[in-house]
Amino acid sequence: MNSEGQLMTEAAHAKPNPGLFKRNPPIVGEAEAIEAAKNGDAEAFSKLYALHKRRVYTLCLRMLGNVSEAEDMTQDAFLHLFRKIGSFRGESAFSTWLHRLTVNLVLMQLRKKGLNLVSLEETINPDDDAPKRDFGTHDPILTGSVDRVALERAVALLPPGYRMVFVLHDVEGFEHNEIAAMLGCSTGNSKSQLHKARLRLRELLRQPSQPPAQERATEAAK
């Protein structure tokens, strides 16, 4: 099995693990549309596209930080969905399965471009001037009463390595061992990146907000 096929298989078997931003409840008529799309019903697939294009685009934008690339990746994700929808077995929510498929596509694209997904220099440093707590655990401040728009803005401003791990763990719900396997780093490195990302987010959330161009693109997709 080639690398793409292996990643798609992993996406199909991924267990749901809700992240920081909660998923919508099951959509009325979605199950029927999925089954019809499996049988080649173009209208049913168009319905699935309409239902999920915004969330897929937002995920791509969060991970890539580039509007044009996010738009292209969204189209690629649905092209792959068209070819792979027959492998969806309902073991997780369809939105969860689709998001895993999209995440794997984005990671493959970044690898093709030769980009480092995580800085290997960002390792756990006991001398860091930071709160002493277990890395990779839930952050009560970021999971509490935080304005969602402000949080989205802050996430968009994170360095790519921090943003990638934060999105995968706190937004998409992947475990650190899964992230380590996907990014080719250690579990400790993933935890360290997440810890530093949360510290940076705290700093950003204390600053006056300046809407980035990414937010305007996200709003345009609504």
N, C-alpha and C. Protein backbone atom coordinates (compact mmCIF):
# COMPACT_ATOMS: atom_id res chain seq x y z
N MET A 1 0.85 -1.20 0.00
CA MET A 1 0.00 0.00 0.00
C MET A 1 0.88 1.25 0.00
N ASN A 2 0.59 2.22 -0.87
CA ASN A 2 1.41 3.43 -0.91
C ASN A 2 1.11 4.31 0.30
N SER A 3 1.93 5.37 0.46
CA SER A 3 1.79 6.21 1.66
C SER A 3 0.45 6.88 1.72
N GLU A 4 -0.08 7.30 0.54
CA GLU A 4 -1.38 7.97 0.54
C GLU A 4 -2.48 7.02 0.95
N GLY A 5 -2.42 5.78 0.42
CA GLY A 5 -3.43 4.80 0.79
C GLY A 5 -3.39 4.46 2.25
N GLN A 6 -2.16 4.37 2.81
CA GLN A 6 -2.02 4.07 4.23
C GLN A 6 -2.60 5.17 5.09
N LEU A 7 -2.36 6.42 4.71
CA LEU A 7 -2.88 7.54 5.50
C LEU A 7 -4.40 7.61 5.43
N MET A 8 -4.95 7.31 4.25
CA MET A 8 -6.41 7.32 4.13
C MET A 8 -7.04 6.20 4.97
N THR A 9 -6.33 5.04 5.01
CA THR A 9 -6.83 3.94 5.84
C THR A 9 -6.80 4.32 7.30
N GLU A 10 -5.71 5.00 7.73
CA GLU A 10 -5.62 5.45 9.12
C GLU A 10 -6.73 6.44 9.45
N ALA A 11 -7.04 7.29 8.48
CA ALA A 11 -8.12 8.27 8.70
C ALA A 11 -9.44 7.56 8.89
N ALA A 12 -9.65 6.50 8.13
CA ALA A 12 -10.93 5.79 8.21
C ALA A 12 -11.11 5.09 9.55
N HIS A 13 -9.98 4.69 10.17
CA HIS A 13 -10.07 3.94 11.42
C HIS A 13 -9.85 4.80 12.66
N ALA A 14 -9.61 6.10 12.45
CA ALA A 14 -9.33 6.97 13.60
C ALA A 14 -10.52 7.05 14.53
N LYS A 15 -10.24 7.02 15.83
CA LYS A 15 -11.29 7.11 16.83
C LYS A 15 -11.63 8.57 17.11
N PRO A 16 -12.90 8.88 17.27
CA PRO A 16 -13.26 10.27 17.55
C PRO A 16 -12.76 10.72 18.91
N ASN A 17 -12.23 11.94 18.96
CA ASN A 17 -11.74 12.51 20.21
C ASN A 17 -11.95 14.01 20.13
N PRO A 18 -13.11 14.51 20.56
CA PRO A 18 -13.45 15.92 20.36
C PRO A 18 -12.37 16.85 20.87
N GLY A 19 -12.07 17.90 20.10
CA GLY A 19 -11.06 18.87 20.46
C GLY A 19 -11.65 20.08 21.14
N LEU A 20 -10.92 21.17 21.12
CA LEU A 20 -11.31 22.38 21.83
C LEU A 20 -12.58 22.99 21.26
N PHE A 21 -12.70 23.01 19.92
CA PHE A 21 -13.89 23.55 19.29
C PHE A 21 -14.87 22.40 19.04
N LYS A 22 -16.03 22.45 19.66
CA LYS A 22 -16.94 21.32 19.63
C LYS A 22 -17.57 21.12 18.25
N ARG A 23 -17.81 19.87 17.93
CA ARG A 23 -18.45 19.52 16.66
C ARG A 23 -19.95 19.80 16.71
N ASN A 24 -20.53 19.99 15.53
CA ASN A 24 -21.97 20.11 15.44
C ASN A 24 -22.59 18.74 15.65
N PRO A 25 -23.84 18.67 16.11
CA PRO A 25 -24.52 17.38 16.24
C PRO A 25 -24.80 16.80 14.87
N PRO A 26 -25.18 15.51 14.80
CA PRO A 26 -25.48 14.90 13.50
C PRO A 26 -26.48 15.74 12.71
N ILE A 27 -26.25 15.83 11.41
CA ILE A 27 -27.07 16.66 10.54
C ILE A 27 -28.20 15.83 9.95
N VAL A 28 -29.39 16.36 10.00
CA VAL A 28 -30.56 15.67 9.45
C VAL A 28 -30.35 15.42 7.96
N GLY A 29 -30.51 14.18 7.55
CA GLY A 29 -30.37 13.82 6.14
C GLY A 29 -28.96 13.48 5.71
N GLU A 30 -27.98 13.68 6.61
CA GLU A 30 -26.59 13.42 6.24
C GLU A 30 -26.36 11.93 5.98
N ALA A 31 -26.87 11.07 6.84
CA ALA A 31 -26.64 9.63 6.69
C ALA A 31 -27.18 9.13 5.35
N GLU A 32 -28.36 9.62 4.98
CA GLU A 32 -28.95 9.23 3.69
C GLU A 32 -28.10 9.72 2.53
N ALA A 33 -27.58 10.95 2.67
CA ALA A 33 -26.74 11.51 1.61
C ALA A 33 -25.44 10.73 1.46
N ILE A 34 -24.88 10.27 2.58
CA ILE A 34 -23.65 9.49 2.53
C ILE A 34 -23.87 8.19 1.77
N GLU A 35 -24.94 7.49 2.11
CA GLU A 35 -25.21 6.22 1.45
C GLU A 35 -25.49 6.42 -0.03
N ALA A 36 -26.22 7.48 -0.37
CA ALA A 36 -26.51 7.76 -1.78
C ALA A 36 -25.23 8.12 -2.53
N ALA A 37 -24.36 8.90 -1.88
CA ALA A 37 -23.10 9.30 -2.52
C ALA A 37 -22.22 8.08 -2.76
N LYS A 38 -22.26 7.10 -1.85
CA LYS A 38 -21.49 5.87 -2.04
C LYS A 38 -21.93 5.15 -3.31
N ASN A 39 -23.19 5.32 -3.66
CA ASN A 39 -23.74 4.66 -4.85
C ASN A 39 -23.64 5.54 -6.10
N GLY A 40 -22.86 6.62 -5.98
CA GLY A 40 -22.62 7.45 -7.15
C GLY A 40 -23.60 8.56 -7.40
N ASP A 41 -24.42 8.90 -6.41
CA ASP A 41 -25.41 9.98 -6.56
C ASP A 41 -24.70 11.33 -6.46
N ALA A 42 -24.58 12.03 -7.59
CA ALA A 42 -23.86 13.31 -7.62
C ALA A 42 -24.56 14.37 -6.79
N GLU A 43 -25.88 14.36 -6.80
CA GLU A 43 -26.62 15.36 -6.02
C GLU A 43 -26.38 15.16 -4.52
N ALA A 44 -26.31 13.91 -4.09
CA ALA A 44 -26.05 13.63 -2.68
C ALA A 44 -24.64 14.08 -2.30
N PHE A 45 -23.67 13.88 -3.19
CA PHE A 45 -22.32 14.32 -2.89
C PHE A 45 -22.26 15.85 -2.81
N SER A 46 -23.02 16.51 -3.68
CA SER A 46 -23.08 17.97 -3.64
C SER A 46 -23.65 18.45 -2.30
N LYS A 47 -24.59 17.70 -1.76
CA LYS A 47 -25.15 18.06 -0.46
C LYS A 47 -24.10 17.93 0.63
N LEU A 48 -23.31 16.86 0.59
CA LEU A 48 -22.25 16.68 1.57
C LEU A 48 -21.21 17.80 1.45
N TYR A 49 -20.92 18.19 0.23
CA TYR A 49 -19.99 19.29 0.01
C TYR A 49 -20.51 20.57 0.64
N ALA A 50 -21.79 20.85 0.41
CA ALA A 50 -22.38 22.07 0.96
C ALA A 50 -22.40 22.04 2.49
N LEU A 51 -22.60 20.87 3.06
CA LEU A 51 -22.68 20.74 4.51
C LEU A 51 -21.32 20.90 5.19
N HIS A 52 -20.25 20.47 4.52
CA HIS A 52 -18.96 20.38 5.19
C HIS A 52 -17.86 21.26 4.62
N LYS A 53 -18.11 21.97 3.52
CA LYS A 53 -17.03 22.73 2.89
C LYS A 53 -16.47 23.81 3.81
N ARG A 54 -17.33 24.46 4.59
CA ARG A 54 -16.85 25.53 5.46
C ARG A 54 -15.89 25.01 6.51
N ARG A 55 -16.25 23.89 7.15
CA ARG A 55 -15.40 23.34 8.21
C ARG A 55 -14.08 22.81 7.64
N VAL A 56 -14.15 22.19 6.48
CA VAL A 56 -12.92 21.67 5.85
C VAL A 56 -12.01 22.83 5.47
N TYR A 57 -12.58 23.88 4.91
CA TYR A 57 -11.78 25.05 4.54
C TYR A 57 -11.15 25.69 5.77
N THR A 58 -11.92 25.83 6.84
CA THR A 58 -11.40 26.43 8.06
C THR A 58 -10.26 25.61 8.63
N LEU A 59 -10.39 24.28 8.60
CA LEU A 59 -9.32 23.41 9.07
C LEU A 59 -8.06 23.61 8.24
N CYS A 60 -8.21 23.63 6.92
CA CYS A 60 -7.05 23.82 6.03
C CYS A 60 -6.39 25.17 6.29
N LEU A 61 -7.21 26.19 6.50
CA LEU A 61 -6.67 27.53 6.74
C LEU A 61 -5.92 27.58 8.06
N ARG A 62 -6.45 26.92 9.08
CA ARG A 62 -5.77 26.88 10.38
C ARG A 62 -4.41 26.21 10.26
N MET A 63 -4.35 25.14 9.50
CA MET A 63 -3.11 24.37 9.40
C MET A 63 -2.09 25.02 8.47
N LEU A 64 -2.57 25.62 7.38
CA LEU A 64 -1.66 26.16 6.37
C LEU A 64 -1.36 27.64 6.55
N GLY A 65 -2.32 28.38 7.11
CA GLY A 65 -2.11 29.81 7.30
C GLY A 65 -2.03 30.60 6.02
N ASN A 66 -2.55 30.05 4.91
CA ASN A 66 -2.51 30.70 3.62
C ASN A 66 -3.84 30.50 2.91
N VAL A 67 -4.48 31.60 2.52
CA VAL A 67 -5.83 31.52 1.96
C VAL A 67 -5.86 30.72 0.66
N SER A 68 -4.95 31.04 -0.26
CA SER A 68 -4.94 30.37 -1.56
C SER A 68 -4.68 28.87 -1.42
N GLU A 69 -3.70 28.52 -0.58
CA GLU A 69 -3.40 27.10 -0.37
C GLU A 69 -4.56 26.39 0.31
N ALA A 70 -5.22 27.07 1.23
CA ALA A 70 -6.36 26.46 1.92
C ALA A 70 -7.50 26.19 0.94
N GLU A 71 -7.74 27.10 0.02
CA GLU A 71 -8.79 26.91 -0.98
C GLU A 71 -8.47 25.70 -1.87
N ASP A 72 -7.21 25.62 -2.32
CA ASP A 72 -6.80 24.50 -3.17
C ASP A 72 -6.90 23.18 -2.41
N MET A 73 -6.47 23.19 -1.15
CA MET A 73 -6.50 21.96 -0.36
C MET A 73 -7.92 21.52 -0.07
N THR A 74 -8.83 22.48 0.10
CA THR A 74 -10.23 22.13 0.31
C THR A 74 -10.79 21.38 -0.90
N GLN A 75 -10.46 21.86 -2.09
CA GLN A 75 -10.90 21.18 -3.31
C GLN A 75 -10.29 19.78 -3.39
N ASP A 76 -9.01 19.67 -3.06
CA ASP A 76 -8.34 18.36 -3.08
C ASP A 76 -8.99 17.40 -2.09
N ALA A 77 -9.36 17.92 -0.91
CA ALA A 77 -9.98 17.08 0.11
C ALA A 77 -11.28 16.48 -0.40
N PHE A 78 -12.08 17.28 -1.08
CA PHE A 78 -13.36 16.75 -1.57
C PHE A 78 -13.19 15.85 -2.79
N LEU A 79 -12.13 16.08 -3.57
CA LEU A 79 -11.83 15.14 -4.66
C LEU A 79 -11.45 13.78 -4.08
N HIS A 80 -10.66 13.79 -3.02
CA HIS A 80 -10.31 12.53 -2.35
C HIS A 80 -11.54 11.90 -1.70
N LEU A 81 -12.38 12.73 -1.13
CA LEU A 81 -13.60 12.21 -0.53
C LEU A 81 -14.45 11.51 -1.57
N PHE A 82 -14.55 12.10 -2.75
CA PHE A 82 -15.35 11.51 -3.83
C PHE A 82 -14.85 10.10 -4.16
N ARG A 83 -13.51 9.93 -4.14
CA ARG A 83 -12.93 8.63 -4.46
C ARG A 83 -12.95 7.66 -3.28
N LYS A 84 -12.93 8.20 -2.05
CA LYS A 84 -12.77 7.35 -0.87
C LYS A 84 -14.04 7.15 -0.06
N ILE A 85 -15.12 7.81 -0.43
CA ILE A 85 -16.31 7.77 0.44
C ILE A 85 -16.84 6.35 0.63
N GLY A 86 -16.58 5.48 -0.32
CA GLY A 86 -17.02 4.10 -0.19
C GLY A 86 -16.36 3.37 0.97
N SER A 87 -15.23 3.90 1.45
CA SER A 87 -14.53 3.25 2.57
C SER A 87 -15.04 3.72 3.93
N PHE A 88 -15.93 4.71 3.94
CA PHE A 88 -16.49 5.17 5.22
C PHE A 88 -17.47 4.14 5.75
N ARG A 89 -17.20 3.64 6.97
CA ARG A 89 -18.01 2.57 7.54
C ARG A 89 -18.85 3.01 8.74
N GLY A 90 -18.78 4.28 9.07
CA GLY A 90 -19.61 4.78 10.15
C GLY A 90 -19.11 4.47 11.54
N GLU A 91 -17.83 4.11 11.68
CA GLU A 91 -17.29 3.81 13.01
C GLU A 91 -17.04 5.08 13.82
N SER A 92 -17.03 6.23 13.16
CA SER A 92 -16.94 7.53 13.82
C SER A 92 -17.88 8.46 13.08
N ALA A 93 -18.07 9.65 13.62
CA ALA A 93 -18.91 10.63 12.93
C ALA A 93 -18.29 10.95 11.58
N PHE A 94 -19.13 11.20 10.58
CA PHE A 94 -18.63 11.49 9.24
C PHE A 94 -17.73 12.72 9.25
N SER A 95 -18.10 13.74 10.02
CA SER A 95 -17.29 14.95 10.08
C SER A 95 -15.91 14.66 10.65
N THR A 96 -15.85 13.77 11.65
CA THR A 96 -14.57 13.39 12.24
C THR A 96 -13.71 12.66 11.22
N TRP A 97 -14.31 11.72 10.51
CA TRP A 97 -13.60 10.95 9.48
C TRP A 97 -13.09 11.87 8.38
N LEU A 98 -13.93 12.81 7.94
CA LEU A 98 -13.54 13.74 6.89
C LEU A 98 -12.41 14.65 7.35
N HIS A 99 -12.45 15.07 8.61
CA HIS A 99 -11.39 15.93 9.12
C HIS A 99 -10.07 15.18 9.20
N ARG A 100 -10.10 13.92 9.59
CA ARG A 100 -8.86 13.13 9.61
C ARG A 100 -8.30 12.97 8.20
N LEU A 101 -9.16 12.71 7.26
CA LEU A 101 -8.75 12.60 5.87
C LEU A 101 -8.08 13.90 5.41
N THR A 102 -8.69 15.02 5.77
CA THR A 102 -8.16 16.33 5.37
C THR A 102 -6.82 16.61 6.03
N VAL A 103 -6.71 16.32 7.32
CA VAL A 103 -5.45 16.51 8.04
C VAL A 103 -4.32 15.75 7.37
N ASN A 104 -4.57 14.50 7.01
CA ASN A 104 -3.54 13.69 6.38
C ASN A 104 -3.14 14.26 5.01
N LEU A 105 -4.10 14.77 4.27
CA LEU A 105 -3.79 15.39 2.98
C LEU A 105 -2.92 16.62 3.15
N VAL A 106 -3.25 17.45 4.14
CA VAL A 106 -2.46 18.65 4.39
C VAL A 106 -1.03 18.28 4.78
N LEU A 107 -0.88 17.30 5.65
CA LEU A 107 0.45 16.87 6.07
C LEU A 107 1.26 16.32 4.90
N MET A 108 0.61 15.56 4.01
CA MET A 108 1.31 15.04 2.84
C MET A 108 1.76 16.18 1.94
N GLN A 109 0.91 17.19 1.78
CA GLN A 109 1.25 18.34 0.95
C GLN A 109 2.45 19.09 1.51
N LEU A 110 2.47 19.26 2.83
CA LEU A 110 3.58 19.96 3.46
C LEU A 110 4.88 19.17 3.32
N ARG A 111 4.79 17.85 3.40
CA ARG A 111 5.99 17.03 3.24
C ARG A 111 6.51 17.11 1.81
N LYS A 112 5.60 17.15 0.83
CA LYS A 112 6.02 17.26 -0.56
C LYS A 112 6.78 18.56 -0.80
N LYS A 113 6.40 19.60 -0.05
CA LYS A 113 7.07 20.89 -0.19
C LYS A 113 8.37 20.94 0.61
N GLY A 114 8.65 19.86 1.34
CA GLY A 114 9.89 19.79 2.10
C GLY A 114 9.92 20.66 3.32
N LEU A 115 8.75 20.97 3.88
CA LEU A 115 8.69 21.83 5.06
C LEU A 115 8.82 21.01 6.33
N ASN A 116 9.52 21.56 7.32
CA ASN A 116 9.60 20.92 8.63
C ASN A 116 8.31 21.19 9.38
N LEU A 117 7.59 20.15 9.71
CA LEU A 117 6.30 20.31 10.38
C LEU A 117 6.47 20.72 11.83
N VAL A 118 7.55 20.29 12.45
CA VAL A 118 7.83 20.66 13.85
C VAL A 118 9.32 20.93 13.97
N SER A 119 9.67 22.00 14.64
CA SER A 119 11.08 22.31 14.87
C SER A 119 11.62 21.36 15.93
N LEU A 120 12.62 20.57 15.54
CA LEU A 120 13.19 19.61 16.49
C LEU A 120 14.01 20.30 17.57
N GLU A 121 14.27 21.59 17.40
CA GLU A 121 14.99 22.33 18.43
C GLU A 121 14.08 22.69 19.59
N GLU A 122 12.76 22.64 19.35
CA GLU A 122 11.82 23.01 20.40
C GLU A 122 11.56 21.81 21.30
N THR A 123 12.49 21.50 22.16
CA THR A 123 12.36 20.36 23.06
C THR A 123 12.13 20.86 24.47
N ILE A 124 11.78 19.96 25.33
CA ILE A 124 11.49 20.33 26.71
C ILE A 124 12.76 20.83 27.39
N ASN A 125 12.68 22.02 27.94
CA ASN A 125 13.82 22.65 28.61
C ASN A 125 13.44 22.94 30.05
N PRO A 126 14.06 22.26 30.99
CA PRO A 126 13.68 22.45 32.40
C PRO A 126 13.96 23.86 32.89
N ASP A 127 14.76 24.63 32.13
CA ASP A 127 15.10 25.98 32.57
C ASP A 127 14.14 27.03 32.01
N ASP A 128 13.17 26.60 31.21
CA ASP A 128 12.21 27.55 30.65
C ASP A 128 11.49 28.29 31.76
N ASP A 129 11.29 29.58 31.57
CA ASP A 129 10.55 30.39 32.53
C ASP A 129 9.07 30.22 32.26
N ALA A 130 8.51 29.12 32.74
CA ALA A 130 7.11 28.78 32.45
C ALA A 130 6.52 28.07 33.64
N PRO A 131 5.20 28.04 33.75
CA PRO A 131 4.55 27.34 34.85
C PRO A 131 4.96 25.88 34.89
N LYS A 132 5.21 25.37 36.07
CA LYS A 132 5.63 23.98 36.21
C LYS A 132 4.40 23.08 36.29
N ARG A 133 4.06 22.47 35.16
CA ARG A 133 2.94 21.55 35.14
C ARG A 133 3.18 20.54 34.03
N ASP A 134 2.39 19.51 34.02
CA ASP A 134 2.59 18.45 33.05
C ASP A 134 2.29 18.94 31.64
N PHE A 135 3.24 18.77 30.73
CA PHE A 135 3.04 19.17 29.35
C PHE A 135 1.96 18.29 28.71
N GLY A 136 1.19 18.89 27.83
CA GLY A 136 0.23 18.13 27.04
C GLY A 136 -1.09 17.90 27.72
N THR A 137 -1.26 18.37 28.95
CA THR A 137 -2.55 18.23 29.63
C THR A 137 -3.45 19.39 29.24
N HIS A 138 -4.72 19.32 29.65
CA HIS A 138 -5.67 20.38 29.33
C HIS A 138 -5.29 21.68 30.02
N ASP A 139 -5.42 22.77 29.30
CA ASP A 139 -5.13 24.09 29.85
C ASP A 139 -6.46 24.70 30.28
N PRO A 140 -6.68 24.88 31.59
CA PRO A 140 -7.97 25.38 32.07
C PRO A 140 -8.31 26.78 31.57
N ILE A 141 -7.29 27.58 31.25
CA ILE A 141 -7.56 28.93 30.75
C ILE A 141 -8.06 28.87 29.31
N LEU A 142 -7.37 28.09 28.48
CA LEU A 142 -7.75 28.04 27.07
C LEU A 142 -9.02 27.24 26.83
N THR A 143 -9.38 26.34 27.76
CA THR A 143 -10.60 25.57 27.59
C THR A 143 -11.75 26.16 28.38
N GLY A 144 -11.52 27.27 29.03
CA GLY A 144 -12.57 27.91 29.81
C GLY A 144 -13.34 28.91 28.98
N SER A 145 -13.72 30.00 29.63
CA SER A 145 -14.54 31.01 28.96
C SER A 145 -13.64 31.96 28.18
N VAL A 146 -13.30 31.57 26.95
CA VAL A 146 -12.47 32.37 26.08
C VAL A 146 -13.27 32.74 24.84
N ASP A 147 -13.22 34.01 24.47
CA ASP A 147 -13.93 34.45 23.27
C ASP A 147 -13.39 33.70 22.06
N ARG A 148 -14.28 33.02 21.34
CA ARG A 148 -13.84 32.16 20.25
C ARG A 148 -13.16 32.95 19.13
N VAL A 149 -13.69 34.11 18.81
CA VAL A 149 -13.10 34.92 17.74
C VAL A 149 -11.68 35.33 18.11
N ALA A 150 -11.51 35.75 19.37
CA ALA A 150 -10.17 36.15 19.83
C ALA A 150 -9.22 34.96 19.79
N LEU A 151 -9.71 33.78 20.15
CA LEU A 151 -8.86 32.60 20.13
C LEU A 151 -8.46 32.24 18.70
N GLU A 152 -9.41 32.32 17.77
CA GLU A 152 -9.11 32.05 16.36
C GLU A 152 -8.03 33.00 15.86
N ARG A 153 -8.14 34.27 16.22
CA ARG A 153 -7.15 35.25 15.80
C ARG A 153 -5.77 34.91 16.36
N ALA A 154 -5.75 34.53 17.62
CA ALA A 154 -4.48 34.20 18.26
C ALA A 154 -3.86 32.95 17.63
N VAL A 155 -4.66 31.94 17.34
CA VAL A 155 -4.15 30.72 16.70
C VAL A 155 -3.52 31.06 15.35
N ALA A 156 -4.15 31.97 14.61
CA ALA A 156 -3.63 32.35 13.30
C ALA A 156 -2.27 33.01 13.40
N LEU A 157 -1.95 33.58 14.55
CA LEU A 157 -0.69 34.30 14.73
C LEU A 157 0.43 33.41 15.29
N LEU A 158 0.11 32.17 15.63
CA LEU A 158 1.13 31.26 16.15
C LEU A 158 2.15 30.91 15.07
N PRO A 159 3.41 30.67 15.45
CA PRO A 159 4.39 30.16 14.49
C PRO A 159 3.89 28.83 13.93
N PRO A 160 4.24 28.49 12.68
CA PRO A 160 3.70 27.27 12.03
C PRO A 160 3.80 26.00 12.85
N GLY A 161 4.98 25.77 13.48
CA GLY A 161 5.14 24.54 14.25
C GLY A 161 4.21 24.49 15.45
N TYR A 162 4.10 25.59 16.16
CA TYR A 162 3.18 25.66 17.30
C TYR A 162 1.74 25.47 16.83
N ARG A 163 1.39 26.18 15.76
CA ARG A 163 0.01 26.14 15.27
C ARG A 163 -0.39 24.73 14.85
N MET A 164 0.53 24.02 14.17
CA MET A 164 0.22 22.69 13.69
C MET A 164 -0.12 21.76 14.85
N VAL A 165 0.72 21.73 15.88
CA VAL A 165 0.48 20.83 17.01
C VAL A 165 -0.77 21.26 17.78
N PHE A 166 -0.96 22.56 17.96
CA PHE A 166 -2.14 23.03 18.68
C PHE A 166 -3.42 22.63 17.95
N VAL A 167 -3.45 22.82 16.64
CA VAL A 167 -4.64 22.46 15.86
C VAL A 167 -4.89 20.97 15.92
N LEU A 168 -3.84 20.17 15.75
CA LEU A 168 -4.01 18.72 15.76
C LEU A 168 -4.48 18.20 17.12
N HIS A 169 -3.93 18.75 18.20
CA HIS A 169 -4.27 18.24 19.53
C HIS A 169 -5.52 18.89 20.12
N ASP A 170 -5.50 20.20 20.25
CA ASP A 170 -6.58 20.88 20.97
C ASP A 170 -7.82 21.14 20.12
N VAL A 171 -7.65 21.21 18.81
CA VAL A 171 -8.81 21.45 17.94
C VAL A 171 -9.34 20.14 17.37
N GLU A 172 -8.43 19.34 16.78
CA GLU A 172 -8.87 18.12 16.11
C GLU A 172 -8.89 16.89 17.03
N GLY A 173 -8.27 16.98 18.19
CA GLY A 173 -8.40 15.91 19.17
C GLY A 173 -7.45 14.74 19.02
N PHE A 174 -6.37 14.88 18.25
CA PHE A 174 -5.41 13.79 18.15
C PHE A 174 -4.62 13.66 19.45
N GLU A 175 -4.21 12.43 19.77
CA GLU A 175 -3.35 12.18 20.92
C GLU A 175 -1.90 12.48 20.55
N HIS A 176 -1.06 12.69 21.55
CA HIS A 176 0.33 13.06 21.27
C HIS A 176 1.08 11.97 20.52
N ASN A 177 0.80 10.70 20.82
CA ASN A 177 1.49 9.64 20.09
C ASN A 177 1.09 9.64 18.62
N GLU A 178 -0.17 9.99 18.32
CA GLU A 178 -0.61 10.08 16.93
C GLU A 178 0.06 11.25 16.23
N ILE A 179 0.14 12.39 16.92
CA ILE A 179 0.78 13.57 16.34
C ILE A 179 2.25 13.30 16.08
N ALA A 180 2.91 12.64 17.03
CA ALA A 180 4.33 12.32 16.86
C ALA A 180 4.55 11.46 15.63
N ALA A 181 3.67 10.48 15.43
CA ALA A 181 3.80 9.61 14.26
C ALA A 181 3.57 10.38 12.97
N MET A 182 2.59 11.28 12.97
CA MET A 182 2.28 12.05 11.77
C MET A 182 3.37 13.04 11.42
N LEU A 183 3.95 13.67 12.43
CA LEU A 183 4.93 14.73 12.20
C LEU A 183 6.38 14.24 12.21
N GLY A 184 6.57 12.98 12.57
CA GLY A 184 7.92 12.44 12.59
C GLY A 184 8.77 12.99 13.71
N CYS A 185 8.16 13.19 14.87
CA CYS A 185 8.91 13.69 16.03
C CYS A 185 8.60 12.80 17.23
N SER A 186 9.16 13.13 18.37
CA SER A 186 8.90 12.34 19.57
C SER A 186 7.62 12.82 20.25
N THR A 187 7.07 11.97 21.10
CA THR A 187 5.89 12.35 21.87
C THR A 187 6.21 13.54 22.78
N GLY A 188 7.40 13.52 23.37
CA GLY A 188 7.81 14.63 24.23
C GLY A 188 7.91 15.94 23.46
N ASN A 189 8.37 15.86 22.22
CA ASN A 189 8.48 17.05 21.39
C ASN A 189 7.10 17.61 21.09
N SER A 190 6.14 16.72 20.81
CA SER A 190 4.77 17.16 20.56
C SER A 190 4.20 17.86 21.78
N LYS A 191 4.43 17.28 22.97
CA LYS A 191 3.93 17.89 24.20
C LYS A 191 4.59 19.25 24.45
N SER A 192 5.88 19.32 24.16
CA SER A 192 6.59 20.57 24.36
C SER A 192 6.07 21.66 23.43
N GLN A 193 5.83 21.29 22.17
CA GLN A 193 5.30 22.25 21.20
C GLN A 193 3.93 22.76 21.64
N LEU A 194 3.10 21.84 22.12
CA LEU A 194 1.76 22.24 22.56
C LEU A 194 1.86 23.16 23.77
N HIS A 195 2.73 22.82 24.70
CA HIS A 195 2.91 23.64 25.89
C HIS A 195 3.33 25.05 25.52
N LYS A 196 4.29 25.17 24.62
CA LYS A 196 4.78 26.47 24.19
C LYS A 196 3.71 27.22 23.38
N ALA A 197 2.93 26.47 22.60
CA ALA A 197 1.85 27.10 21.84
C ALA A 197 0.82 27.72 22.77
N ARG A 198 0.49 26.99 23.85
CA ARG A 198 -0.50 27.51 24.80
C ARG A 198 0.03 28.73 25.54
N LEU A 199 1.31 28.70 25.89
CA LEU A 199 1.90 29.87 26.54
C LEU A 199 1.86 31.08 25.61
N ARG A 200 2.17 30.84 24.34
CA ARG A 200 2.14 31.94 23.37
C ARG A 200 0.72 32.45 23.17
N LEU A 201 -0.25 31.53 23.17
CA LEU A 201 -1.65 31.93 23.02
C LEU A 201 -2.09 32.80 24.20
N ARG A 202 -1.65 32.44 25.40
CA ARG A 202 -1.98 33.26 26.57
C ARG A 202 -1.48 34.69 26.38
N GLU A 203 -0.25 34.80 25.88
CA GLU A 203 0.32 36.13 25.65
C GLU A 203 -0.49 36.89 24.60
N LEU A 204 -0.82 36.21 23.52
CA LEU A 204 -1.56 36.85 22.44
C LEU A 204 -2.95 37.28 22.88
N LEU A 205 -3.59 36.47 23.74
CA LEU A 205 -4.94 36.78 24.19
C LEU A 205 -4.96 37.96 25.16
N ARG A 206 -3.82 38.29 25.72
CA ARG A 206 -3.73 39.45 26.61
C ARG A 206 -3.51 40.74 25.83
N GLN A 207 -3.14 40.61 24.55
CA GLN A 207 -2.85 41.78 23.73
C GLN A 207 -4.11 42.27 23.02
N PRO A 208 -4.17 43.58 22.66
CA PRO A 208 -5.30 44.08 21.86
C PRO A 208 -5.37 43.32 20.55
N SER A 209 -6.56 42.86 20.19
CA SER A 209 -6.72 42.03 19.00
C SER A 209 -6.63 42.85 17.73
N GLN A 210 -5.94 42.28 16.73
CA GLN A 210 -5.85 42.85 15.40
C GLN A 210 -6.28 41.78 14.41
N PRO A 211 -7.48 41.89 13.82
CA PRO A 211 -7.97 40.84 12.91
C PRO A 211 -7.01 40.60 11.76
N PRO A 212 -6.50 39.37 11.63
CA PRO A 212 -5.60 39.06 10.52
C PRO A 212 -6.38 38.82 9.24
N ALA A 213 -5.67 38.80 8.10
CA ALA A 213 -6.31 38.55 6.81
C ALA A 213 -6.96 37.18 6.80
N GLN A 214 -6.39 36.22 7.55
CA GLN A 214 -6.95 34.87 7.59
C GLN A 214 -8.38 34.88 8.09
N GLU A 215 -8.66 35.72 9.11
CA GLU A 215 -10.01 35.75 9.67
C GLU A 215 -11.01 36.24 8.63
N ARG A 216 -10.62 37.24 7.83
CA ARG A 216 -11.54 37.76 6.81
C ARG A 216 -11.85 36.67 5.79
N ALA A 217 -10.84 35.85 5.47
CA ALA A 217 -11.07 34.77 4.51
C ALA A 217 -12.02 33.73 5.10
N THR A 218 -11.85 33.44 6.41
CA THR A 218 -12.74 32.48 7.07
C THR A 218 -14.17 32.98 7.06
N GLU A 219 -14.35 34.28 7.34
CA GLU A 219 -15.69 34.84 7.34
C GLU A 219 -16.32 34.77 5.96
N ALA A 220 -15.49 34.94 4.90
CA ALA A 220 -16.00 34.91 3.54
C ALA A 220 -16.51 33.53 3.15
N ALA A 221 -16.00 32.50 3.85
CA ALA A 221 -16.41 31.13 3.53
C ALA A 221 -17.73 30.74 4.19
N LYS A 222 -18.24 31.59 5.07
CA LYS A 222 -19.46 31.25 5.79
C LYS A 222 -20.69 31.32 4.89
